[in-house]
Protein backbone atom coordinates (compact mmCIF):
# COMPACT_ATOMS: atom_id res chain seq x y z
CA MET A 1 -100.40 -135.27 150.10
CA GLN A 2 -101.29 -137.28 147.23
CA SER A 3 -100.00 -136.69 143.53
CA LEU A 4 -101.89 -137.84 140.80
CA GLU A 5 -100.95 -137.49 137.08
CA VAL A 6 -103.70 -136.39 134.64
CA LYS A 7 -102.33 -137.82 131.53
CA GLN A 8 -105.49 -137.74 129.02
CA ILE A 9 -108.60 -136.26 128.92
CA GLY A 10 -111.84 -137.49 127.47
CA LEU A 11 -112.98 -135.81 124.71
CA ILE A 12 -116.40 -136.50 124.67
CA SER A 13 -116.77 -135.43 128.51
CA VAL A 14 -114.90 -131.85 127.45
CA PHE A 15 -117.53 -131.27 124.39
CA LYS A 16 -120.69 -132.24 126.45
CA PHE A 17 -119.47 -129.81 129.22
CA SER A 18 -118.45 -127.07 126.28
CA PHE A 19 -121.45 -127.22 124.64
CA VAL A 20 -123.68 -127.10 127.23
CA VAL A 21 -122.04 -123.93 129.20
CA GLY A 22 -121.88 -122.73 125.82
CA VAL A 23 -125.54 -123.24 124.90
CA ILE A 24 -126.53 -121.48 128.37
CA LEU A 25 -123.91 -118.43 127.91
CA GLY A 26 -125.57 -117.94 124.37
CA LEU A 27 -128.98 -118.05 125.38
CA ILE A 28 -128.24 -115.58 127.82
CA ALA A 29 -126.45 -113.27 125.56
CA THR A 30 -129.02 -113.30 123.22
CA VAL A 31 -131.87 -112.50 125.52
CA VAL A 32 -129.46 -109.29 126.64
CA LEU A 33 -129.31 -108.42 123.13
CA LEU A 34 -132.78 -108.52 122.72
CA LEU A 35 -133.84 -106.60 125.29
CA SER A 36 -130.86 -103.97 124.29
CA GLY A 37 -132.45 -103.69 121.23
CA ILE A 38 -135.97 -103.56 122.59
CA SER A 39 -134.53 -100.85 124.93
CA ILE A 40 -132.96 -98.69 122.42
CA LYS A 41 -135.73 -98.88 119.70
CA GLN A 42 -137.78 -97.20 122.65
CA LEU A 43 -135.44 -94.28 122.78
CA GLY A 44 -135.78 -93.85 119.03
CA LEU A 45 -132.40 -94.26 117.99
CA GLU A 46 -131.99 -97.47 116.14
CA THR A 47 -134.77 -99.27 113.72
CA GLY A 48 -135.04 -102.47 112.06
CA VAL A 49 -134.66 -104.20 115.62
CA PHE A 50 -137.36 -106.48 117.56
CA SER A 51 -140.50 -105.15 119.60
CA ILE A 52 -143.12 -106.29 121.51
CA ASN A 53 -145.48 -104.41 119.46
CA GLY A 54 -143.89 -106.25 115.60
CA GLY A 55 -146.58 -108.93 116.29
CA PRO A 56 -147.00 -112.49 116.32
CA LEU A 57 -144.47 -112.94 113.73
CA GLN A 58 -141.63 -110.93 115.17
CA VAL A 59 -141.79 -112.30 118.27
CA GLY A 60 -141.73 -116.05 117.43
CA ALA A 61 -138.90 -115.53 114.51
CA SER A 62 -137.21 -113.99 117.51
CA LEU A 63 -137.72 -116.72 119.47
CA VAL A 64 -136.31 -119.24 116.76
CA GLY A 65 -133.43 -116.99 116.24
CA ALA A 66 -132.46 -117.18 120.56
CA ILE A 67 -132.77 -120.85 120.12
CA ILE A 68 -130.47 -121.34 116.73
CA ALA A 69 -127.69 -118.84 117.74
CA SER A 70 -128.00 -120.61 121.13
CA LEU A 71 -127.37 -124.09 120.15
CA ALA A 72 -124.61 -122.16 117.60
CA TYR A 73 -122.74 -120.97 119.81
CA GLY A 74 -122.80 -123.97 122.28
CA LEU A 75 -121.69 -126.04 119.20
CA ILE A 76 -118.88 -123.73 118.16
CA GLY A 77 -117.62 -123.56 122.15
CA GLY A 78 -118.07 -127.50 122.10
CA ILE A 79 -115.45 -127.73 118.83
CA VAL A 80 -113.15 -125.63 120.29
CA GLY A 81 -113.11 -127.62 123.77
CA LEU A 82 -112.74 -130.54 122.10
CA PHE A 83 -109.91 -129.33 120.09
CA ILE A 84 -108.05 -127.91 123.14
CA ALA A 85 -108.38 -131.05 124.59
CA PHE A 86 -107.26 -133.14 121.89
CA LEU A 87 -104.12 -130.87 122.22
CA TYR A 88 -104.39 -131.54 125.89
CA ASN A 89 -103.97 -135.11 125.06
CA VAL A 90 -101.22 -135.20 122.63
CA PHE A 91 -99.15 -132.61 124.66
CA ALA A 92 -99.34 -134.82 127.66
CA SER A 93 -98.69 -138.03 125.88
CA ILE A 94 -95.40 -136.44 125.09
CA THR A 95 -94.36 -134.72 128.50
CA GLY A 96 -96.23 -136.41 130.96
CA GLY A 97 -99.37 -134.62 131.56
CA ILE A 98 -99.98 -132.02 134.65
CA ILE A 99 -99.15 -133.45 138.31
CA ILE A 100 -102.36 -132.81 140.68
CA ARG A 101 -101.25 -132.97 144.24
CA VAL A 102 -104.89 -133.77 146.32
CA LYS A 103 -104.80 -133.68 150.11
CA GLU A 104 -106.58 -136.53 151.51
CA GLU A 105 -108.92 -135.61 154.86
């Protein structure tokens, strides 16, 4: 077995990864929330939510809102990932990092 020590994490790579994952998860969550709103509206339990019969302006606004919400969620995820990677780099410089054992085949 070979031991490798992770002394530093690339901040930009962590930000990019966290941003992309956040955008995808935000888009999925936004679509689920829009579909839930449609279902609740069909049951007559809620007013003021997105409906297919609302016209092209409401559909367009919902699509733009879904894109903006996904990008915002991704940006927040990227900033949090960047902060955590920065903290890891600070503490790894003090304590020496994490040692990972890798089996060579």
